[in-house]
Amino acid sequence: MSTTTSSLTRSDWAARLLKPQYFIYYMFMLVLAGFALFLNDTGFFSLANFMNIVRQTAPITIMAVGLSFALAVGHIDLSIGSVVALSAIVGAILLQYVGVPLAIAGALLSGVLVGLINGFLIERLKVSSLLITLGTMGIITGISRQVSGLESIPIIDPLFRSLLGNGDLLGVPVLLWWTLSFALIGYLVMNKLVFGRHLLAVGGNPEAARAMGLRTENIRIKALVMCSLCAAIAGLLYAGRMAGARYTLGEADLLTVIAAVAIGGTSLFGGRVSIIGAVIGSWLMGLINNGLILSGFSTDEQMITRGLILITAVAIGAREAKNA
C-alpha cells in the first residue's frame, strides 16, 4: 500500500514538473548551461555580461509584456516595431524644444494614438488585427522616415539618458528597474485585477464574455492601446540607451518579441497569458543572441535561430490549444 502511494506521489510530481508552463524555465537553464560550458573562457558566465544582456533586452521585455495584453484578447499587433521608432523620434524632437517630462509625454501619446487607431479600425471594420496592424506598420514607418529625414536625431540631455538609458539607481542599472517594474505591473494586471480576468475572458470565449455583460470591443481596444503604449516606452528606452533616435529602431524586434512571448507560454490564439514567461522568454532570446555573438555567429545565422525558436514555440502552442 505504501509502495503504491509512493509510486503515485512520484507520478504526480513528474506530471507537475512536465507541465508545459515550465518549458521556458527548463529551456532557459539548458541554454544557459550550454553556453556556459561552450564559452567558459569568453566572460559569458559573468555578472557584467548578464547585466549587459538585461540592458539590451529591456525594450524587448517591455514590448513582450505589452504584446501579451493584445494576445490575451486574441489580437496580434505587428506595428509595435514601428511604434518604437516613432515614439523615439517624437521624444527626441520634442526634447529640443521642451523639457524631459513633456518630451516623454508626447512620445507616449504617440503610442496611445496608434493603439487607438489600431483598435478602432479592427473593431469597427471587423478586419483581422494581422492585416490592420500590418498596414499601420507601413504607414508609421513611412511617417518616421519622413519626419526624421532618414537621419539620426541626437539626444544630449543627461537627465533623459540617465532616466531611460545608461543610468544606475542604488547601484543597479536603471534599465533593470524598468524591466522589473513592467514585469510586476503586467503580472498584477493579468493575475490580480478584474481587468486582467476580463482580457482573458474576451480572448478565451468572446461570446460568453459578451453574455456576461462585458463590453468586448472596448476591452480589446484597451488591450491594443496598452500594447502600443509599452512599445512607445521601449522606444524611449532605446533612445536613452543609444543617445539618439532613428527610424530603424525596433524594426528587427518584432520576431524576437513574438518568439519571447510564445515560448514563454502565452497562447497566440487568445485566452492564456504568462507575463513571467514572457519576461523569461525575452531574457532567453537575449541570452541566445549574446551567446551566438560570442560564438562568432553572423547576424543572418542569429535571425535563422530566432525563426527556428519561433516555429518551435508556435508548434508547441498549437498542440496545447488542440489538446485543451
Protein backbone atom coordinates (compact mmCIF):
# COMPACT_ATOMS: atom_id res chain seq x y z
CA MET A 1 0.00 0.00 0.00
CA SER A 2 2.78 2.38 0.93
CA THR A 3 4.66 1.40 -2.25
CA THR A 4 1.63 2.29 -4.38
CA THR A 5 1.19 5.59 -2.58
CA SER A 6 4.88 6.37 -3.05
CA SER A 7 4.62 5.49 -6.75
CA LEU A 8 1.58 7.69 -7.18
CA THR A 9 3.35 10.52 -5.42
CA ARG A 10 6.33 10.23 -7.75
CA SER A 11 3.99 10.17 -10.74
CA ASP A 12 2.22 13.27 -9.50
CA TRP A 13 5.50 15.07 -9.10
CA ALA A 14 6.60 14.01 -12.56
CA ALA A 15 3.33 15.25 -14.05
CA ARG A 16 3.72 18.59 -12.31
CA LEU A 17 7.31 19.04 -13.40
CA LEU A 18 6.45 18.23 -17.02
CA LYS A 19 3.68 20.81 -17.29
CA PRO A 20 4.02 22.95 -20.45
CA GLN A 21 4.29 26.21 -18.47
CA TYR A 22 7.62 25.03 -17.06
CA PHE A 23 9.10 24.50 -20.55
CA ILE A 24 10.54 28.03 -20.69
CA TYR A 25 12.43 27.58 -17.40
CA TYR A 26 13.95 24.27 -18.46
CA MET A 27 14.94 25.71 -21.82
CA PHE A 28 16.48 28.79 -20.17
CA MET A 29 18.59 26.66 -17.83
CA LEU A 30 19.59 24.33 -20.67
CA VAL A 31 20.70 27.19 -22.93
CA LEU A 32 22.49 28.91 -20.04
CA ALA A 33 24.36 25.74 -19.13
CA GLY A 34 25.24 25.00 -22.75
CA PHE A 35 26.71 28.44 -23.41
CA ALA A 36 28.45 28.48 -20.03
CA LEU A 37 30.29 25.29 -20.95
CA PHE A 38 30.96 26.20 -24.56
CA LEU A 39 32.04 29.80 -23.82
CA ASN A 40 33.75 29.27 -20.49
CA ASP A 41 36.76 31.43 -21.41
CA THR A 42 34.91 34.36 -23.03
CA GLY A 43 33.39 36.00 -19.96
CA PHE A 44 29.89 34.79 -20.89
CA PHE A 45 29.15 33.49 -17.41
CA SER A 46 29.84 36.76 -15.62
CA LEU A 47 27.73 39.35 -13.83
CA ALA A 48 28.91 42.09 -16.20
CA ASN A 49 27.76 40.11 -19.24
CA PHE A 50 24.40 39.28 -17.67
CA MET A 51 23.82 42.95 -16.86
CA ASN A 52 24.67 43.76 -20.46
CA ILE A 53 22.05 41.24 -21.61
CA VAL A 54 19.46 42.82 -19.32
CA ARG A 55 20.23 46.30 -20.70
CA GLN A 56 19.95 45.11 -24.27
CA THR A 57 16.73 43.19 -23.72
CA ALA A 58 14.88 45.75 -21.57
CA PRO A 59 12.92 47.20 -24.55
CA ILE A 60 12.18 43.66 -25.79
CA THR A 61 10.88 42.66 -22.36
CA ILE A 62 8.56 45.65 -22.13
CA MET A 63 7.27 45.06 -25.66
CA ALA A 64 6.70 41.41 -24.74
CA VAL A 65 4.60 42.44 -21.75
CA GLY A 66 2.61 44.80 -23.98
CA LEU A 67 2.08 42.20 -26.70
CA SER A 68 0.83 39.79 -24.04
CA PHE A 69 -2.11 42.13 -23.41
CA ALA A 70 -3.04 42.12 -27.11
CA LEU A 71 -2.66 38.36 -27.40
CA ALA A 72 -4.79 37.87 -24.30
CA VAL A 73 -7.83 39.13 -26.24
CA GLY A 74 -6.93 37.25 -29.42
CA HIS A 75 -5.25 40.12 -31.32
CA ILE A 76 -1.71 40.46 -32.57
CA ASP A 77 0.00 43.81 -33.15
CA LEU A 78 2.60 43.83 -35.93
CA SER A 79 3.06 47.60 -35.67
CA ILE A 80 4.93 47.60 -32.35
CA GLY A 81 8.35 47.81 -34.01
CA SER A 82 7.33 50.90 -35.97
CA VAL A 83 5.83 52.46 -32.82
CA VAL A 84 9.24 52.06 -31.16
CA ALA A 85 10.86 54.21 -33.84
CA LEU A 86 8.03 56.76 -33.93
CA SER A 87 7.99 57.33 -30.17
CA ALA A 88 11.77 57.63 -30.03
CA ILE A 89 11.77 60.20 -32.84
CA VAL A 90 8.88 62.17 -31.33
CA GLY A 91 10.60 62.21 -27.94
CA ALA A 92 13.95 63.27 -29.42
CA ILE A 93 12.40 66.10 -31.45
CA LEU A 94 10.29 67.40 -28.54
CA LEU A 95 13.33 67.28 -26.29
CA GLN A 96 14.90 70.00 -28.43
CA TYR A 97 12.08 72.41 -27.53
CA VAL A 98 10.58 71.29 -24.20
CA GLY A 99 11.72 69.59 -21.02
CA VAL A 100 12.08 65.90 -20.36
CA PRO A 101 8.57 65.36 -18.86
CA LEU A 102 6.76 66.87 -21.85
CA ALA A 103 9.01 65.08 -24.32
CA ILE A 104 8.26 61.76 -22.66
CA ALA A 105 4.54 62.57 -22.53
CA GLY A 106 4.50 63.39 -26.24
CA ALA A 107 6.26 60.16 -27.12
CA LEU A 108 3.85 58.11 -25.01
CA LEU A 109 0.89 59.92 -26.55
CA SER A 110 2.05 58.85 -30.00
CA GLY A 111 1.92 55.23 -28.85
CA VAL A 112 -1.54 55.66 -27.34
CA LEU A 113 -2.86 57.20 -30.57
CA VAL A 114 -1.53 54.31 -32.65
CA GLY A 115 -3.17 51.84 -30.28
CA LEU A 116 -6.49 53.69 -30.51
CA ILE A 117 -6.31 53.77 -34.30
CA ASN A 118 -5.47 50.07 -34.49
CA GLY A 119 -8.25 49.17 -32.08
CA PHE A 120 -10.86 51.36 -33.74
CA LEU A 121 -10.12 50.04 -37.22
CA ILE A 122 -10.06 46.41 -36.11
CA GLU A 123 -13.25 46.57 -34.10
CA ARG A 124 -15.27 48.85 -36.38
CA LEU A 125 -14.24 47.28 -39.68
CA LYS A 126 -14.23 43.74 -38.25
CA VAL A 127 -10.94 43.04 -40.02
CA SER A 128 -8.13 40.79 -38.82
CA SER A 129 -5.69 42.51 -36.48
CA LEU A 130 -2.91 40.92 -38.52
CA LEU A 131 -3.93 42.87 -41.63
CA ILE A 132 -4.74 46.17 -39.92
CA THR A 133 -1.53 46.35 -37.92
CA LEU A 134 0.47 45.27 -40.97
CA GLY A 135 -0.97 48.31 -42.75
CA THR A 136 -0.39 50.71 -39.88
CA MET A 137 3.16 49.38 -39.54
CA GLY A 138 3.88 50.54 -43.08
CA ILE A 139 2.22 53.92 -42.52
CA ILE A 140 4.06 54.59 -39.25
CA THR A 141 7.38 53.52 -40.74
CA GLY A 142 6.84 55.95 -43.61
CA ILE A 143 5.99 58.76 -41.20
CA SER A 144 9.09 58.07 -39.12
CA ARG A 145 11.30 58.10 -42.19
CA GLN A 146 9.78 61.35 -43.42
CA VAL A 147 9.87 63.16 -40.09
CA SER A 148 13.45 62.14 -39.32
CA GLY A 149 14.70 62.77 -42.85
CA LEU A 150 16.45 59.37 -42.64
CA GLU A 151 18.87 60.88 -40.16
CA SER A 152 19.61 60.08 -36.54
CA ILE A 153 18.35 62.65 -34.03
CA PRO A 154 20.87 63.00 -31.19
CA ILE A 155 19.84 63.18 -27.55
CA ILE A 156 22.28 65.03 -25.31
CA ASP A 157 20.04 65.72 -22.32
CA PRO A 158 21.79 63.99 -19.36
CA LEU A 159 18.55 63.58 -17.36
CA PHE A 160 16.78 61.80 -20.22
CA ARG A 161 19.73 59.49 -20.81
CA SER A 162 20.07 58.75 -17.12
CA LEU A 163 16.36 58.01 -16.55
CA LEU A 164 15.83 55.98 -19.69
CA GLY A 165 19.24 54.72 -20.69
CA ASN A 166 22.54 54.06 -19.01
CA GLY A 167 21.89 55.43 -15.54
CA ASP A 168 22.03 53.49 -12.28
CA LEU A 169 19.74 53.51 -9.26
CA LEU A 170 21.04 52.09 -5.97
CA GLY A 171 23.88 50.52 -7.91
CA VAL A 172 21.51 48.69 -10.25
CA PRO A 173 21.12 49.61 -13.96
CA VAL A 174 18.01 51.72 -14.46
CA LEU A 175 17.01 49.51 -17.39
CA LEU A 176 16.74 46.57 -14.99
CA TRP A 177 14.42 48.65 -12.80
CA TRP A 178 12.26 49.40 -15.86
CA THR A 179 12.18 45.70 -16.71
CA LEU A 180 11.20 44.60 -13.21
CA SER A 181 8.62 47.39 -12.91
CA PHE A 182 6.79 46.39 -16.07
CA ALA A 183 7.04 42.71 -15.23
CA LEU A 184 5.36 43.47 -11.90
CA ILE A 185 2.72 45.71 -13.49
CA GLY A 186 1.93 43.13 -16.14
CA TYR A 187 1.71 40.34 -13.56
CA LEU A 188 -0.60 42.33 -11.31
CA VAL A 189 -2.87 43.33 -14.19
CA MET A 190 -3.22 39.79 -15.52
CA ASN A 191 -3.34 37.90 -12.22
CA LYS A 192 -4.72 40.23 -9.56
CA LEU A 193 -7.02 42.75 -11.26
CA VAL A 194 -10.52 42.23 -12.59
CA PHE A 195 -9.44 43.83 -15.87
CA GLY A 196 -6.95 41.03 -16.42
CA ARG A 197 -9.68 38.43 -16.00
CA HIS A 198 -11.80 40.37 -18.48
CA LEU A 199 -8.96 40.31 -21.02
CA LEU A 200 -8.63 36.54 -20.71
CA ALA A 201 -12.39 36.04 -20.82
CA VAL A 202 -12.69 38.02 -24.05
CA GLY A 203 -9.79 36.15 -25.62
CA GLY A 204 -10.92 32.72 -24.42
CA ASN A 205 -14.60 32.92 -25.34
CA PRO A 206 -15.87 36.26 -26.73
CA GLU A 207 -19.49 35.11 -26.91
CA ALA A 208 -19.53 34.01 -23.28
CA ALA A 209 -17.81 37.26 -22.25
CA ARG A 210 -20.44 39.26 -24.12
CA ALA A 211 -23.19 37.25 -22.45
CA MET A 212 -21.64 38.18 -19.09
CA GLY A 213 -22.18 41.84 -19.96
CA LEU A 214 -18.58 42.65 -20.85
CA ARG A 215 -18.03 45.31 -23.50
CA THR A 216 -15.74 43.15 -25.56
CA GLU A 217 -14.92 45.76 -28.20
CA ASN A 218 -13.80 48.32 -25.62
CA ILE A 219 -11.71 45.73 -23.79
CA ARG A 220 -9.95 44.70 -26.98
CA ILE A 221 -9.25 48.35 -27.88
CA LYS A 222 -7.79 48.94 -24.40
CA ALA A 223 -5.56 45.89 -24.82
CA LEU A 224 -4.18 47.27 -28.09
CA VAL A 225 -3.62 50.69 -26.52
CA MET A 226 -1.66 49.05 -23.69
CA CYS A 227 0.38 47.14 -26.26
CA SER A 228 1.28 50.29 -28.23
CA LEU A 229 1.99 52.22 -25.03
CA CYS A 230 4.54 49.59 -24.00
CA ALA A 231 6.13 49.82 -27.45
CA ALA A 232 6.38 53.61 -27.04
CA ILE A 233 8.14 53.16 -23.70
CA ALA A 234 10.52 50.68 -25.34
CA GLY A 235 11.30 53.33 -27.95
CA LEU A 236 12.20 55.83 -25.23
CA LEU A 237 14.49 53.27 -23.59
CA TYR A 238 16.22 52.65 -26.90
CA ALA A 239 16.65 56.39 -27.43
CA GLY A 240 18.01 56.86 -23.91
CA ARG A 241 20.46 53.98 -24.12
CA MET A 242 21.69 54.87 -27.61
CA ALA A 243 21.64 58.65 -27.01
CA GLY A 244 19.65 59.17 -30.18
CA ALA A 245 16.58 58.24 -32.22
CA ARG A 246 16.49 56.73 -35.68
CA TYR A 247 13.75 55.40 -37.94
CA THR A 248 15.34 51.93 -37.88
CA LEU A 249 14.85 51.45 -34.13
CA GLY A 250 12.69 48.43 -33.40
CA GLU A 251 12.41 47.27 -37.00
CA ALA A 252 14.10 43.94 -36.25
CA ASP A 253 12.41 43.37 -32.89
CA LEU A 254 9.01 42.01 -33.92
CA LEU A 255 10.17 38.44 -34.48
CA THR A 256 12.13 38.44 -31.23
CA VAL A 257 9.18 39.77 -29.22
CA ILE A 258 6.71 37.27 -30.68
CA ALA A 259 9.16 34.43 -30.05
CA ALA A 260 9.72 35.56 -26.45
CA VAL A 261 6.00 35.74 -25.73
CA ALA A 262 5.11 32.50 -27.49
CA ILE A 263 7.90 30.43 -26.00
CA GLY A 264 7.08 31.91 -22.59
CA GLY A 265 3.69 30.19 -22.57
CA THR A 266 1.30 32.83 -23.91
CA SER A 267 -1.16 31.50 -26.45
CA LEU A 268 -1.09 33.19 -29.86
CA PHE A 269 -4.80 32.43 -30.14
CA GLY A 270 -6.01 34.26 -27.02
CA GLY A 271 -7.19 33.29 -23.57
CA ARG A 272 -3.88 32.29 -21.95
CA VAL A 273 -1.10 34.64 -20.85
CA SER A 274 2.09 34.24 -18.85
CA ILE A 275 3.74 37.56 -18.04
CA ILE A 276 6.60 35.95 -16.13
CA GLY A 277 7.05 33.55 -19.02
CA ALA A 278 7.23 36.49 -21.46
CA VAL A 279 9.92 38.13 -19.32
CA ILE A 280 11.95 34.92 -19.09
CA GLY A 281 11.38 34.39 -22.81
CA SER A 282 12.80 37.82 -23.62
CA TRP A 283 15.82 37.12 -21.43
CA LEU A 284 16.22 33.77 -23.17
CA MET A 285 16.24 35.45 -26.58
CA GLY A 286 18.81 37.94 -25.29
CA LEU A 287 20.87 35.11 -23.84
CA ILE A 288 20.81 33.26 -27.16
CA ASN A 289 21.75 36.37 -29.15
CA ASN A 290 24.60 37.13 -26.76
CA GLY A 291 25.86 33.56 -26.85
CA LEU A 292 25.69 33.37 -30.63
CA ILE A 293 27.60 36.64 -30.97
CA LEU A 294 30.33 35.43 -28.62
CA SER A 295 30.42 32.16 -30.56
CA GLY A 296 31.10 34.06 -33.77
CA PHE A 297 27.70 33.58 -35.43
CA SER A 298 26.70 36.16 -38.04
CA THR A 299 23.56 38.31 -37.95
CA ASP A 300 21.98 36.09 -40.60
CA GLU A 301 22.58 32.99 -38.50
CA GLN A 302 21.11 34.71 -35.46
CA MET A 303 17.95 35.54 -37.46
CA ILE A 304 17.68 31.90 -38.57
CA THR A 305 17.97 30.77 -34.96
CA ARG A 306 15.23 33.17 -33.81
CA GLY A 307 13.00 31.92 -36.61
CA LEU A 308 13.52 28.31 -35.60
CA ILE A 309 12.73 29.16 -31.98
CA LEU A 310 9.52 30.92 -33.01
CA ILE A 311 8.39 27.95 -35.12
CA THR A 312 9.07 25.62 -32.20
CA ALA A 313 7.13 27.83 -29.80
CA VAL A 314 4.16 28.16 -32.15
CA ALA A 315 4.12 24.40 -32.74
CA ILE A 316 4.04 23.75 -29.00
CA GLY A 317 1.33 26.38 -28.50
CA ALA A 318 -0.81 24.95 -31.31
CA ARG A 319 -0.54 21.47 -29.85
CA GLU A 320 -1.57 22.73 -26.41
CA ALA A 321 -4.56 24.59 -27.91
CA LYS A 322 -5.63 21.43 -29.75
CA ASN A 323 -5.39 19.32 -26.62
CA ALA A 324 -7.18 21.88 -24.42
